Amino acid sequence: MYRITEKQEIPPNVKMFKVYAPAVSRKAESGQFVIIRSHERGERIPITMAGSDPDEGTVTIYFAEVGVSSKELGALGEGDK
């Protein structure tokens, strides 16, 4: 599990996460998908990466809270895994 290093709410129900994932950030390109889960047994949610920073070891994602799984994900905060 990867750690959320930054969280922002853009307009209502849209979240931005920066996630510490060094191995992913080194190979990532904007537009590629990552699979995110809110907890170990959570639904696998494909989300497009908005960017990556290999120096920080982070990837950035944006998502809208529209269903149960994305709302569970949006409830996570900085420091959560």
C-alpha atoms as a PDB file:
ATOM      1  CA  MET A   1       0.000   0.000   0.000  1.00  0.00           C
ATOM      2  CA  TYR A   2       1.226   3.488  -0.847  1.00  0.00           C
ATOM      3  CA  ARG A   3       1.001   6.581   1.375  1.00  0.00           C
ATOM      4  CA  ILE A   4      -0.986   9.714   0.481  1.00  0.00           C
ATOM      5  CA  THR A   5       1.386  12.671   0.849  1.00  0.00           C
ATOM      6  CA  GLU A   6      -1.006  15.448  -0.196  1.00  0.00           C
ATOM      7  CA  LYS A   7      -4.775  15.793  -0.562  1.00  0.00           C
ATOM      8  CA  GLN A   8      -6.807  18.667  -2.012  1.00  0.00           C
ATOM      9  CA  GLU A   9     -10.471  19.137  -2.799  1.00  0.00           C
ATOM     10  CA  ILE A  10     -10.797  20.993  -6.091  1.00  0.00           C
ATOM     11  CA  PRO A  11     -14.499  21.651  -6.736  1.00  0.00           C
ATOM     12  CA  PRO A  12     -16.987  19.780  -4.570  1.00  0.00           C
ATOM     13  CA  ASN A  13     -16.622  16.003  -4.847  1.00  0.00           C
ATOM     14  CA  VAL A  14     -13.351  16.111  -6.843  1.00  0.00           C
ATOM     15  CA  LYS A  15     -10.160  15.139  -5.038  1.00  0.00           C
ATOM     16  CA  MET A  16      -6.467  15.374  -5.880  1.00  0.00           C
ATOM     17  CA  PHE A  17      -4.034  12.970  -4.235  1.00  0.00           C
ATOM     18  CA  LYS A  18      -0.263  12.893  -4.409  1.00  0.00           C
ATOM     19  CA  VAL A  19       0.780   9.368  -3.557  1.00  0.00           C
ATOM     20  CA  TYR A  20       4.280   8.265  -2.554  1.00  0.00           C
ATOM     21  CA  ALA A  21       5.069   5.449  -4.992  1.00  0.00           C
ATOM     22  CA  PRO A  22       8.742   5.705  -6.044  1.00  0.00           C
ATOM     23  CA  ALA A  23       8.841   2.679  -8.360  1.00  0.00           C
ATOM     24  CA  VAL A  24       5.684   3.811 -10.158  1.00  0.00           C
ATOM     25  CA  SER A  25       6.813   7.444 -10.449  1.00  0.00           C
ATOM     26  CA  ARG A  26      10.086   6.466 -12.160  1.00  0.00           C
ATOM     27  CA  LYS A  27       8.260   4.692 -14.999  1.00  0.00           C
ATOM     28  CA  ALA A  28       5.017   6.692 -15.090  1.00  0.00           C
ATOM     29  CA  GLU A  29       3.793   8.906 -17.887  1.00  0.00           C
ATOM     30  CA  SER A  30       0.770  11.196 -17.759  1.00  0.00           C
ATOM     31  CA  GLY A  31      -2.330   9.496 -19.122  1.00  0.00           C
ATOM     32  CA  GLN A  32      -1.360   6.027 -17.927  1.00  0.00           C
ATOM     33  CA  PHE A  33      -3.657   4.249 -15.500  1.00  0.00           C
ATOM     34  CA  VAL A  34      -2.984   3.098 -11.965  1.00  0.00           C
ATOM     35  CA  ILE A  35      -5.213   0.782  -9.957  1.00  0.00           C
ATOM     36  CA  ILE A  36      -6.255   2.291  -6.623  1.00  0.00           C
ATOM     37  CA  ARG A  37      -8.056   0.666  -3.681  1.00  0.00           C
ATOM     38  CA  SER A  38      -9.306   2.431  -0.565  1.00  0.00           C
ATOM     39  CA  HIS A  39      -8.392  -0.562   1.612  1.00  0.00           C
ATOM     40  CA  GLU A  40      -6.874  -4.012   1.161  1.00  0.00           C
ATOM     41  CA  ARG A  41     -10.175  -5.667   0.221  1.00  0.00           C
ATOM     42  CA  GLY A  42     -11.579  -2.618  -1.577  1.00  0.00           C
ATOM     43  CA  GLU A  43     -12.740  -2.473  -5.169  1.00  0.00           C
ATOM     44  CA  ARG A  44      -9.977  -1.939  -7.727  1.00  0.00           C
ATOM     45  CA  ILE A  45     -10.507   1.492  -9.323  1.00  0.00           C
ATOM     46  CA  PRO A  46      -8.579   2.377 -12.518  1.00  0.00           C
ATOM     47  CA  ILE A  47      -7.591   6.058 -12.409  1.00  0.00           C
ATOM     48  CA  THR A  48      -5.600   8.044 -14.966  1.00  0.00           C
ATOM     49  CA  MET A  49      -2.413   9.607 -13.613  1.00  0.00           C
ATOM     50  CA  ALA A  50      -2.238  13.377 -13.994  1.00  0.00           C
ATOM     51  CA  GLY A  51       1.504  13.473 -13.443  1.00  0.00           C
ATOM     52  CA  SER A  52       4.507  12.080 -11.656  1.00  0.00           C
ATOM     53  CA  ASP A  53       7.611  13.427  -9.934  1.00  0.00           C
ATOM     54  CA  PRO A  54      10.402  10.839  -9.871  1.00  0.00           C
ATOM     55  CA  ASP A  55      12.559  13.113  -7.665  1.00  0.00           C
ATOM     56  CA  GLU A  56       9.841  13.181  -4.971  1.00  0.00           C
ATOM     57  CA  GLY A  57       8.751   9.618  -5.756  1.00  0.00           C
ATOM     58  CA  THR A  58       5.114  10.680  -6.169  1.00  0.00           C
ATOM     59  CA  VAL A  59       2.291  10.282  -8.662  1.00  0.00           C
ATOM     60  CA  THR A  60      -0.682  12.658  -8.867  1.00  0.00           C
ATOM     61  CA  ILE A  61      -4.263  11.544  -9.462  1.00  0.00           C
ATOM     62  CA  TYR A  62      -7.618  13.327  -9.646  1.00  0.00           C
ATOM     63  CA  PHE A  63     -10.960  11.596  -9.200  1.00  0.00           C
ATOM     64  CA  ALA A  64     -14.615  12.415  -8.648  1.00  0.00           C
ATOM     65  CA  GLU A  65     -16.538  10.922  -5.745  1.00  0.00           C
ATOM     66  CA  VAL A  66     -19.526   9.383  -7.530  1.00  0.00           C
ATOM     67  CA  GLY A  67     -20.009   5.924  -6.027  1.00  0.00           C
ATOM     68  CA  VAL A  68     -19.316   3.971  -2.867  1.00  0.00           C
ATOM     69  CA  SER A  69     -15.712   3.043  -3.728  1.00  0.00           C
ATOM     70  CA  SER A  70     -14.643   6.510  -4.869  1.00  0.00           C
ATOM     71  CA  LYS A  71     -16.283   8.048  -1.770  1.00  0.00           C
ATOM     72  CA  GLU A  72     -14.339   5.604   0.451  1.00  0.00           C
ATOM     73  CA  LEU A  73     -11.174   6.634  -1.382  1.00  0.00           C
ATOM     74  CA  GLY A  74     -12.011  10.333  -0.981  1.00  0.00           C
ATOM     75  CA  ALA A  75     -12.439   9.874   2.772  1.00  0.00           C
ATOM     76  CA  LEU A  76      -8.744   8.989   3.112  1.00  0.00           C
ATOM     77  CA  GLY A  77      -6.368  11.734   4.194  1.00  0.00           C
ATOM     78  CA  GLU A  78      -2.713  12.679   4.115  1.00  0.00           C
ATOM     79  CA  GLY A  79      -0.606   9.964   5.704  1.00  0.00           C
ATOM     80  CA  ASP A  80      -3.154   7.215   5.029  1.00  0.00           C
ATOM     81  CA  LYS A  81      -2.156   4.140   3.054  1.00  0.00           C
END
